[in-house]
Amino acid sequence: MSLRKAIEEVRQKTYSEKMQEELEPIEEATNMYTDDITGFQIDRFAGKKGPSFQINYGRGKGKFIQIPKTDMKRVITQMTKAMNAK
């Protein structure tokens, strides 16, 4: 393989890069829910593993949890079980 051909191959976009361009992008840090009284906020953002959620809590103390959308249902189920445990 010639050097020029190898360079051109590297320059071409991969299949996943092409597919990512076709997908509708998520606006960075779209607010989904805010409760100013308790200092609780849920934002949706473009994470490394795809769409994700960030849960901010603690009234400006910088406390947050980031959860990929694919794990959200499981996390909610397990947190509900933990809260109801005696």
N, C-alpha and C. Protein backbone atom coordinates (compact mmCIF):
# COMPACT_ATOMS: atom_id res chain seq x y z
N MET A 1 0.85 -1.18 0.00
CA MET A 1 0.00 0.00 0.00
C MET A 1 0.90 1.24 0.00
N SER A 2 0.56 2.18 -0.84
CA SER A 2 1.36 3.40 -0.92
C SER A 2 1.05 4.31 0.28
N LEU A 3 1.97 5.18 0.57
CA LEU A 3 1.81 6.12 1.67
C LEU A 3 0.61 7.04 1.43
N ARG A 4 0.45 7.51 0.20
CA ARG A 4 -0.67 8.40 -0.13
C ARG A 4 -2.01 7.71 0.11
N LYS A 5 -2.10 6.46 -0.31
CA LYS A 5 -3.34 5.71 -0.13
C LYS A 5 -3.64 5.50 1.36
N ALA A 6 -2.61 5.21 2.13
CA ALA A 6 -2.78 5.02 3.58
C ALA A 6 -3.25 6.31 4.25
N ILE A 7 -2.67 7.44 3.87
CA ILE A 7 -3.06 8.74 4.43
C ILE A 7 -4.52 9.05 4.07
N GLU A 8 -4.89 8.79 2.82
CA GLU A 8 -6.27 9.05 2.38
C GLU A 8 -7.26 8.16 3.14
N GLU A 9 -6.87 6.93 3.41
CA GLU A 9 -7.73 6.01 4.14
C GLU A 9 -7.98 6.52 5.57
N VAL A 10 -6.94 7.04 6.19
CA VAL A 10 -7.06 7.58 7.54
C VAL A 10 -7.93 8.84 7.55
N ARG A 11 -7.83 9.64 6.50
CA ARG A 11 -8.60 10.88 6.43
C ARG A 11 -10.09 10.64 6.25
N GLN A 12 -10.47 9.53 5.63
CA GLN A 12 -11.88 9.25 5.41
C GLN A 12 -12.57 9.00 6.75
N LYS A 13 -13.80 9.45 6.82
CA LYS A 13 -14.56 9.30 8.06
C LYS A 13 -14.97 7.84 8.23
N THR A 14 -14.99 7.41 9.47
CA THR A 14 -15.43 6.06 9.77
C THR A 14 -16.95 5.99 9.67
N TYR A 15 -17.48 4.80 9.64
CA TYR A 15 -18.93 4.61 9.56
C TYR A 15 -19.63 5.27 10.75
N SER A 16 -19.08 5.10 11.96
CA SER A 16 -19.73 5.69 13.14
C SER A 16 -19.70 7.22 13.10
N GLU A 17 -18.63 7.81 12.54
CA GLU A 17 -18.58 9.26 12.40
C GLU A 17 -19.65 9.75 11.42
N LYS A 18 -19.84 9.02 10.32
CA LYS A 18 -20.87 9.38 9.36
C LYS A 18 -22.26 9.27 9.98
N MET A 19 -22.51 8.19 10.73
CA MET A 19 -23.80 7.99 11.37
C MET A 19 -24.06 9.06 12.42
N GLN A 20 -23.04 9.45 13.16
CA GLN A 20 -23.19 10.47 14.20
C GLN A 20 -23.61 11.80 13.58
N GLU A 21 -23.10 12.13 12.40
CA GLU A 21 -23.47 13.37 11.73
C GLU A 21 -24.94 13.36 11.32
N GLU A 22 -25.46 12.17 10.99
CA GLU A 22 -26.85 12.06 10.57
C GLU A 22 -27.83 12.17 11.73
N LEU A 23 -27.40 11.77 12.92
CA LEU A 23 -28.27 11.84 14.08
C LEU A 23 -28.49 13.29 14.49
N GLU A 24 -29.67 13.56 15.02
CA GLU A 24 -29.95 14.91 15.49
C GLU A 24 -29.16 15.15 16.78
N PRO A 25 -28.34 16.17 16.82
CA PRO A 25 -27.53 16.40 18.01
C PRO A 25 -28.37 16.87 19.21
N ILE A 26 -27.92 16.51 20.39
CA ILE A 26 -28.58 16.97 21.62
C ILE A 26 -27.97 18.31 21.99
N GLU A 27 -28.80 19.27 22.33
CA GLU A 27 -28.27 20.54 22.78
C GLU A 27 -27.53 20.28 24.09
N GLU A 28 -26.38 20.87 24.23
CA GLU A 28 -25.57 20.66 25.41
C GLU A 28 -26.29 21.17 26.65
N ALA A 29 -26.38 20.33 27.64
CA ALA A 29 -26.98 20.66 28.94
C ALA A 29 -28.39 21.21 28.82
N THR A 30 -29.29 20.44 28.24
CA THR A 30 -30.69 20.82 28.17
C THR A 30 -31.33 20.54 29.52
N ASN A 31 -31.90 21.58 30.14
CA ASN A 31 -32.52 21.42 31.44
C ASN A 31 -33.82 20.65 31.31
N MET A 32 -33.97 19.59 32.12
CA MET A 32 -35.19 18.77 32.07
C MET A 32 -36.10 19.06 33.27
N TYR A 33 -35.50 19.41 34.42
CA TYR A 33 -36.28 19.65 35.63
C TYR A 33 -35.46 20.49 36.59
N THR A 34 -36.12 21.44 37.27
CA THR A 34 -35.45 22.27 38.27
C THR A 34 -36.37 22.49 39.45
N ASP A 35 -35.84 22.34 40.65
CA ASP A 35 -36.56 22.67 41.88
C ASP A 35 -35.64 23.60 42.67
N ASP A 36 -35.88 24.90 42.56
CA ASP A 36 -35.02 25.89 43.21
C ASP A 36 -35.08 25.83 44.73
N ILE A 37 -36.19 25.39 45.27
CA ILE A 37 -36.35 25.35 46.73
C ILE A 37 -35.38 24.35 47.35
N THR A 38 -35.27 23.17 46.74
CA THR A 38 -34.38 22.15 47.30
C THR A 38 -33.00 22.13 46.64
N GLY A 39 -32.83 22.90 45.57
CA GLY A 39 -31.54 22.92 44.88
C GLY A 39 -31.30 21.66 44.08
N PHE A 40 -32.34 21.16 43.45
CA PHE A 40 -32.28 19.90 42.68
C PHE A 40 -32.53 20.21 41.21
N GLN A 41 -31.70 19.63 40.32
CA GLN A 41 -31.84 19.91 38.89
C GLN A 41 -31.41 18.68 38.10
N ILE A 42 -32.14 18.39 37.01
CA ILE A 42 -31.77 17.30 36.11
C ILE A 42 -31.54 17.89 34.72
N ASP A 43 -30.36 17.61 34.15
CA ASP A 43 -30.00 18.08 32.82
C ASP A 43 -29.71 16.89 31.92
N ARG A 44 -30.02 17.01 30.65
CA ARG A 44 -29.66 16.01 29.64
C ARG A 44 -28.49 16.59 28.86
N PHE A 45 -27.50 15.75 28.56
CA PHE A 45 -26.35 16.23 27.80
C PHE A 45 -25.77 15.11 26.95
N ALA A 46 -24.90 15.46 26.02
CA ALA A 46 -24.24 14.48 25.15
C ALA A 46 -23.02 13.94 25.87
N GLY A 47 -23.14 12.75 26.43
CA GLY A 47 -22.04 12.13 27.15
C GLY A 47 -21.16 11.30 26.24
N LYS A 48 -20.12 10.73 26.80
CA LYS A 48 -19.18 9.91 26.03
C LYS A 48 -19.84 8.65 25.48
N LYS A 49 -20.83 8.11 26.23
CA LYS A 49 -21.51 6.88 25.81
C LYS A 49 -22.87 7.17 25.21
N GLY A 50 -23.08 8.38 24.71
CA GLY A 50 -24.36 8.76 24.14
C GLY A 50 -25.13 9.67 25.09
N PRO A 51 -26.43 9.85 24.84
CA PRO A 51 -27.23 10.74 25.69
C PRO A 51 -27.14 10.34 27.16
N SER A 52 -26.95 11.32 28.03
CA SER A 52 -26.80 11.07 29.46
C SER A 52 -27.56 12.11 30.25
N PHE A 53 -27.72 11.84 31.54
CA PHE A 53 -28.37 12.76 32.45
C PHE A 53 -27.40 13.14 33.56
N GLN A 54 -27.50 14.39 34.00
CA GLN A 54 -26.73 14.84 35.15
C GLN A 54 -27.72 15.32 36.20
N ILE A 55 -27.62 14.75 37.39
CA ILE A 55 -28.47 15.14 38.51
C ILE A 55 -27.63 16.01 39.43
N ASN A 56 -28.02 17.28 39.56
CA ASN A 56 -27.33 18.23 40.43
C ASN A 56 -28.13 18.36 41.72
N TYR A 57 -27.45 18.34 42.84
CA TYR A 57 -28.12 18.48 44.13
C TYR A 57 -27.20 19.20 45.10
N GLY A 58 -27.75 19.71 46.17
CA GLY A 58 -26.92 20.30 47.21
C GLY A 58 -26.80 21.81 47.17
N ARG A 59 -27.69 22.51 46.49
CA ARG A 59 -27.72 23.97 46.47
C ARG A 59 -26.36 24.61 46.19
N GLY A 60 -25.83 24.41 45.00
CA GLY A 60 -24.62 25.09 44.56
C GLY A 60 -23.33 24.59 45.17
N LYS A 61 -23.33 23.41 45.78
CA LYS A 61 -22.11 22.88 46.37
C LYS A 61 -21.33 22.00 45.40
N GLY A 62 -21.77 21.97 44.14
CA GLY A 62 -21.06 21.21 43.12
C GLY A 62 -21.25 19.71 43.22
N LYS A 63 -22.33 19.26 43.84
CA LYS A 63 -22.59 17.83 43.95
C LYS A 63 -23.43 17.40 42.76
N PHE A 64 -22.99 16.34 42.06
CA PHE A 64 -23.74 15.86 40.91
C PHE A 64 -23.44 14.39 40.65
N ILE A 65 -24.35 13.75 39.91
CA ILE A 65 -24.21 12.37 39.47
C ILE A 65 -24.49 12.36 37.98
N GLN A 66 -23.66 11.68 37.18
CA GLN A 66 -23.89 11.55 35.75
C GLN A 66 -24.23 10.10 35.43
N ILE A 67 -25.36 9.91 34.71
CA ILE A 67 -25.84 8.57 34.39
C ILE A 67 -26.18 8.49 32.90
N PRO A 68 -25.59 7.51 32.18
CA PRO A 68 -25.97 7.34 30.78
C PRO A 68 -27.45 6.98 30.67
N LYS A 69 -28.11 7.43 29.60
CA LYS A 69 -29.53 7.18 29.42
C LYS A 69 -29.83 5.68 29.44
N THR A 70 -28.93 4.88 28.90
CA THR A 70 -29.14 3.43 28.84
C THR A 70 -29.20 2.79 30.22
N ASP A 71 -28.64 3.44 31.24
CA ASP A 71 -28.63 2.90 32.61
C ASP A 71 -29.68 3.54 33.51
N MET A 72 -30.36 4.56 33.03
CA MET A 72 -31.25 5.36 33.88
C MET A 72 -32.36 4.53 34.52
N LYS A 73 -33.04 3.70 33.75
CA LYS A 73 -34.15 2.91 34.29
C LYS A 73 -33.67 1.98 35.41
N ARG A 74 -32.52 1.34 35.20
CA ARG A 74 -31.96 0.42 36.20
C ARG A 74 -31.57 1.18 37.47
N VAL A 75 -30.97 2.35 37.32
CA VAL A 75 -30.57 3.16 38.47
C VAL A 75 -31.79 3.58 39.29
N ILE A 76 -32.84 4.04 38.60
CA ILE A 76 -34.06 4.46 39.31
C ILE A 76 -34.67 3.29 40.06
N THR A 77 -34.73 2.11 39.42
CA THR A 77 -35.29 0.92 40.07
C THR A 77 -34.51 0.56 41.32
N GLN A 78 -33.19 0.55 41.22
CA GLN A 78 -32.36 0.17 42.37
C GLN A 78 -32.40 1.21 43.48
N MET A 79 -32.46 2.50 43.13
CA MET A 79 -32.55 3.54 44.16
C MET A 79 -33.89 3.46 44.88
N THR A 80 -34.96 3.16 44.15
CA THR A 80 -36.28 3.00 44.77
C THR A 80 -36.25 1.82 45.75
N LYS A 81 -35.65 0.71 45.36
CA LYS A 81 -35.52 -0.45 46.25
C LYS A 81 -34.73 -0.09 47.50
N ALA A 82 -33.64 0.66 47.32
CA ALA A 82 -32.80 1.04 48.48
C ALA A 82 -33.57 1.97 49.43
N MET A 83 -34.37 2.88 48.88
CA MET A 83 -35.13 3.79 49.72
C MET A 83 -36.22 3.06 50.49
N ASN A 84 -36.81 2.00 49.91
CA ASN A 84 -37.88 1.26 50.55
C ASN A 84 -37.41 0.14 51.45
N ALA A 85 -36.11 -0.13 51.46
CA ALA A 85 -35.55 -1.20 52.30
C ALA A 85 -35.65 -0.82 53.77
N LYS A 86 -35.88 -1.83 54.58
CA LYS A 86 -35.99 -1.58 56.05
C LYS A 86 -34.81 -2.12 56.77
